[in-house]
Amino acid sequence: MWRGWHACELRVADHRLLKKWRLRNREEFERVFQRRRSVSDGMLVMYGCHNNLGHSRMGLVVSRKMGNAVRRNRWKRLLREAYRLRRLQLPEGMDMVVIPRKGVQPELCSLARSLKVLSSRLEKKLSADEGKEV
């Protein structure tokens, strides 16, 4: 049962999701996938890499395996909203590609929580990798 966004206490001052906060073209997605760093939980898989920007960006990949267009669009709407609401709590300077897992019902609160946890784990993983390369 949906209880609205108040139930999970998600708030953000700016209500817009600007284009600069999204991955928008094939090259940006390919750069993230080529880095081959990922984290996952029961709901999402997140790939990521550092960017040279002062903010993080997110891209979505929702496969046809997730269902018909209505279901895929619902996933995308909820993931964008979860990102918009949690954006200020996520690590800065990362590009992330989020892929939902099949068989899970999307809920805003759990998606927002998952985005925050996975992005933190991904940032730690990327930072550890940079320490090894130096």
C-alpha atoms as a PDB file:
ATOM      1  CA  MET A   1       0.000   0.000   0.000  1.00  0.00           C
ATOM      2  CA  TRP A   2       1.381   3.404  -0.973  1.00  0.00           C
ATOM      3  CA  ARG A   3       1.469   5.859   1.916  1.00  0.00           C
ATOM      4  CA  GLY A   4       2.968   8.794   0.063  1.00  0.00           C
ATOM      5  CA  TRP A   5       6.455  10.234   0.308  1.00  0.00           C
ATOM      6  CA  HIS A   6       5.861  11.452   3.865  1.00  0.00           C
ATOM      7  CA  ALA A   7       5.981   7.865   5.086  1.00  0.00           C
ATOM      8  CA  CYS A   8       9.695   7.553   4.357  1.00  0.00           C
ATOM      9  CA  GLU A   9      10.575  11.169   5.198  1.00  0.00           C
ATOM     10  CA  LEU A  10      12.272  12.078   1.942  1.00  0.00           C
ATOM     11  CA  ARG A  11      12.658  15.781   1.284  1.00  0.00           C
ATOM     12  CA  VAL A  12      14.733  18.007  -0.920  1.00  0.00           C
ATOM     13  CA  ALA A  13      14.724  21.789  -1.263  1.00  0.00           C
ATOM     14  CA  ASP A  14      14.948  21.958  -5.066  1.00  0.00           C
ATOM     15  CA  HIS A  15      12.180  19.948  -6.706  1.00  0.00           C
ATOM     16  CA  ARG A  16      13.691  19.798 -10.183  1.00  0.00           C
ATOM     17  CA  LEU A  17      15.744  17.002 -11.721  1.00  0.00           C
ATOM     18  CA  LEU A  18      18.117  18.891 -13.977  1.00  0.00           C
ATOM     19  CA  LYS A  19      19.651  17.414 -17.116  1.00  0.00           C
ATOM     20  CA  LYS A  20      23.141  17.881 -15.675  1.00  0.00           C
ATOM     21  CA  TRP A  21      22.323  15.253 -13.026  1.00  0.00           C
ATOM     22  CA  ARG A  22      21.540  12.538 -15.594  1.00  0.00           C
ATOM     23  CA  LEU A  23      23.629  10.417 -17.948  1.00  0.00           C
ATOM     24  CA  ARG A  24      22.161  11.124 -21.335  1.00  0.00           C
ATOM     25  CA  ASN A  25      24.173   9.613 -24.174  1.00  0.00           C
ATOM     26  CA  ARG A  26      25.671   6.282 -25.146  1.00  0.00           C
ATOM     27  CA  GLU A  27      29.283   7.341 -24.571  1.00  0.00           C
ATOM     28  CA  GLU A  28      28.583   8.289 -20.956  1.00  0.00           C
ATOM     29  CA  PHE A  29      26.916   4.931 -20.274  1.00  0.00           C
ATOM     30  CA  GLU A  30      29.725   3.017 -22.006  1.00  0.00           C
ATOM     31  CA  ARG A  31      32.377   4.831 -19.949  1.00  0.00           C
ATOM     32  CA  VAL A  32      30.647   3.703 -16.741  1.00  0.00           C
ATOM     33  CA  PHE A  33      30.277   0.098 -17.921  1.00  0.00           C
ATOM     34  CA  GLN A  34      33.910  -0.064 -19.108  1.00  0.00           C
ATOM     35  CA  ARG A  35      35.126   0.816 -15.608  1.00  0.00           C
ATOM     36  CA  ARG A  36      33.567  -2.488 -14.454  1.00  0.00           C
ATOM     37  CA  ARG A  37      32.900  -1.522 -10.858  1.00  0.00           C
ATOM     38  CA  SER A  38      29.547  -2.568  -9.484  1.00  0.00           C
ATOM     39  CA  VAL A  39      27.647  -3.163  -6.271  1.00  0.00           C
ATOM     40  CA  SER A  40      24.236  -4.716  -5.791  1.00  0.00           C
ATOM     41  CA  ASP A  41      21.545  -5.716  -3.368  1.00  0.00           C
ATOM     42  CA  GLY A  42      18.303  -7.641  -3.775  1.00  0.00           C
ATOM     43  CA  MET A  43      16.652  -4.765  -5.596  1.00  0.00           C
ATOM     44  CA  LEU A  44      19.252  -2.953  -7.753  1.00  0.00           C
ATOM     45  CA  VAL A  45      22.592  -3.331  -9.482  1.00  0.00           C
ATOM     46  CA  MET A  46      24.678  -0.143  -9.651  1.00  0.00           C
ATOM     47  CA  TYR A  47      27.698   0.435 -11.879  1.00  0.00           C
ATOM     48  CA  GLY A  48      29.838   3.493 -11.386  1.00  0.00           C
ATOM     49  CA  CYS A  49      32.946   5.523 -11.995  1.00  0.00           C
ATOM     50  CA  HIS A  50      34.290   8.889 -10.952  1.00  0.00           C
ATOM     51  CA  ASN A  51      33.610  11.927 -13.099  1.00  0.00           C
ATOM     52  CA  ASN A  52      35.435  15.256 -13.137  1.00  0.00           C
ATOM     53  CA  LEU A  53      32.312  17.215 -12.296  1.00  0.00           C
ATOM     54  CA  GLY A  54      31.273  18.755  -9.015  1.00  0.00           C
ATOM     55  CA  HIS A  55      28.130  16.652  -8.885  1.00  0.00           C
ATOM     56  CA  SER A  56      26.952  13.091  -9.395  1.00  0.00           C
ATOM     57  CA  ARG A  57      24.895  11.837 -12.304  1.00  0.00           C
ATOM     58  CA  MET A  58      22.628   8.826 -12.699  1.00  0.00           C
ATOM     59  CA  GLY A  59      21.555   6.823 -15.720  1.00  0.00           C
ATOM     60  CA  LEU A  60      18.905   4.116 -15.898  1.00  0.00           C
ATOM     61  CA  VAL A  61      18.802   0.839 -17.794  1.00  0.00           C
ATOM     62  CA  VAL A  62      15.434  -0.898 -17.512  1.00  0.00           C
ATOM     63  CA  SER A  63      15.292  -3.998 -19.683  1.00  0.00           C
ATOM     64  CA  ARG A  64      12.261  -5.417 -21.458  1.00  0.00           C
ATOM     65  CA  LYS A  65      12.675  -8.401 -19.150  1.00  0.00           C
ATOM     66  CA  MET A  66      11.190  -6.179 -16.425  1.00  0.00           C
ATOM     67  CA  GLY A  67       7.817  -6.295 -18.140  1.00  0.00           C
ATOM     68  CA  ASN A  68       5.706  -4.244 -20.467  1.00  0.00           C
ATOM     69  CA  ALA A  69       6.155  -0.517 -21.105  1.00  0.00           C
ATOM     70  CA  VAL A  70       3.905   0.427 -18.194  1.00  0.00           C
ATOM     71  CA  ARG A  71       6.060  -1.490 -15.688  1.00  0.00           C
ATOM     72  CA  ARG A  72       9.330  -0.278 -17.173  1.00  0.00           C
ATOM     73  CA  ASN A  73       8.140   3.333 -17.070  1.00  0.00           C
ATOM     74  CA  ARG A  74       7.018   2.929 -13.460  1.00  0.00           C
ATOM     75  CA  TRP A  75      10.488   1.674 -12.536  1.00  0.00           C
ATOM     76  CA  LYS A  76      12.070   4.634 -14.285  1.00  0.00           C
ATOM     77  CA  ARG A  77       9.737   7.177 -12.679  1.00  0.00           C
ATOM     78  CA  LEU A  78      10.342   5.788  -9.191  1.00  0.00           C
ATOM     79  CA  LEU A  79      14.113   5.547  -9.665  1.00  0.00           C
ATOM     80  CA  ARG A  80      14.304   9.133 -10.932  1.00  0.00           C
ATOM     81  CA  GLU A  81      12.197  10.319  -8.010  1.00  0.00           C
ATOM     82  CA  ALA A  82      14.296   8.374  -5.488  1.00  0.00           C
ATOM     83  CA  TYR A  83      17.443   9.895  -6.992  1.00  0.00           C
ATOM     84  CA  ARG A  84      15.959  13.383  -6.951  1.00  0.00           C
ATOM     85  CA  LEU A  85      14.995  13.049  -3.291  1.00  0.00           C
ATOM     86  CA  ARG A  86      18.315  11.505  -2.169  1.00  0.00           C
ATOM     87  CA  ARG A  87      20.625  13.445  -4.482  1.00  0.00           C
ATOM     88  CA  LEU A  88      22.075  15.657  -1.739  1.00  0.00           C
ATOM     89  CA  GLN A  89      22.850  12.599   0.416  1.00  0.00           C
ATOM     90  CA  LEU A  90      24.719  10.728  -2.323  1.00  0.00           C
ATOM     91  CA  PRO A  91      28.487  10.947  -2.876  1.00  0.00           C
ATOM     92  CA  GLU A  92      29.653  13.739  -5.180  1.00  0.00           C
ATOM     93  CA  GLY A  93      31.607  13.311  -8.403  1.00  0.00           C
ATOM     94  CA  MET A  94      30.304   9.911  -9.506  1.00  0.00           C
ATOM     95  CA  ASP A  95      28.506   8.651 -12.571  1.00  0.00           C
ATOM     96  CA  MET A  96      26.147   5.791 -11.725  1.00  0.00           C
ATOM     97  CA  VAL A  97      24.103   3.462 -13.897  1.00  0.00           C
ATOM     98  CA  VAL A  98      21.245   1.772 -12.063  1.00  0.00           C
ATOM     99  CA  ILE A  99      19.662  -1.483 -13.242  1.00  0.00           C
ATOM    100  CA  PRO A 100      16.664  -2.934 -11.380  1.00  0.00           C
ATOM    101  CA  ARG A 101      16.517  -6.656 -10.656  1.00  0.00           C
ATOM    102  CA  LYS A 102      13.732  -8.728 -12.138  1.00  0.00           C
ATOM    103  CA  GLY A 103      10.951  -9.958  -9.858  1.00  0.00           C
ATOM    104  CA  VAL A 104      11.032  -7.067  -7.381  1.00  0.00           C
ATOM    105  CA  GLN A 105       8.130  -4.678  -6.856  1.00  0.00           C
ATOM    106  CA  PRO A 106       9.334  -1.057  -6.930  1.00  0.00           C
ATOM    107  CA  GLU A 107       8.612   1.098  -3.867  1.00  0.00           C
ATOM    108  CA  LEU A 108       9.895   4.638  -3.486  1.00  0.00           C
ATOM    109  CA  CYS A 109      11.151   4.317   0.104  1.00  0.00           C
ATOM    110  CA  SER A 110      13.101   1.121  -0.481  1.00  0.00           C
ATOM    111  CA  LEU A 111      14.534   2.410  -3.769  1.00  0.00           C
ATOM    112  CA  ALA A 112      15.711   5.630  -2.118  1.00  0.00           C
ATOM    113  CA  ARG A 113      17.306   3.671   0.724  1.00  0.00           C
ATOM    114  CA  SER A 114      18.944   1.271  -1.711  1.00  0.00           C
ATOM    115  CA  LEU A 115      20.354   4.127  -3.848  1.00  0.00           C
ATOM    116  CA  LYS A 116      21.966   5.716  -0.801  1.00  0.00           C
ATOM    117  CA  VAL A 117      23.505   2.489   0.501  1.00  0.00           C
ATOM    118  CA  LEU A 118      24.726   1.270  -2.887  1.00  0.00           C
ATOM    119  CA  SER A 119      26.233   4.623  -3.875  1.00  0.00           C
ATOM    120  CA  SER A 120      28.179   4.749  -0.597  1.00  0.00           C
ATOM    121  CA  ARG A 121      29.474   1.214  -1.131  1.00  0.00           C
ATOM    122  CA  LEU A 122      30.382   2.048  -4.720  1.00  0.00           C
ATOM    123  CA  GLU A 123      32.275   5.167  -3.675  1.00  0.00           C
ATOM    124  CA  LYS A 124      34.316   3.137  -1.157  1.00  0.00           C
ATOM    125  CA  LYS A 125      35.070   0.540  -3.818  1.00  0.00           C
ATOM    126  CA  LEU A 126      36.178   3.178  -6.342  1.00  0.00           C
ATOM    127  CA  SER A 127      38.337   4.947  -3.749  1.00  0.00           C
ATOM    128  CA  ALA A 128      39.999   1.668  -2.781  1.00  0.00           C
ATOM    129  CA  ASP A 129      40.737   0.959  -6.453  1.00  0.00           C
ATOM    130  CA  GLU A 130      42.351   4.378  -6.892  1.00  0.00           C
ATOM    131  CA  GLY A 131      44.590   3.695  -3.905  1.00  0.00           C
ATOM    132  CA  LYS A 132      45.821   0.477  -5.523  1.00  0.00           C
ATOM    133  CA  GLU A 133      46.581   2.136  -8.872  1.00  0.00           C
ATOM    134  CA  VAL A 134      48.807   4.837  -7.381  1.00  0.00           C
END
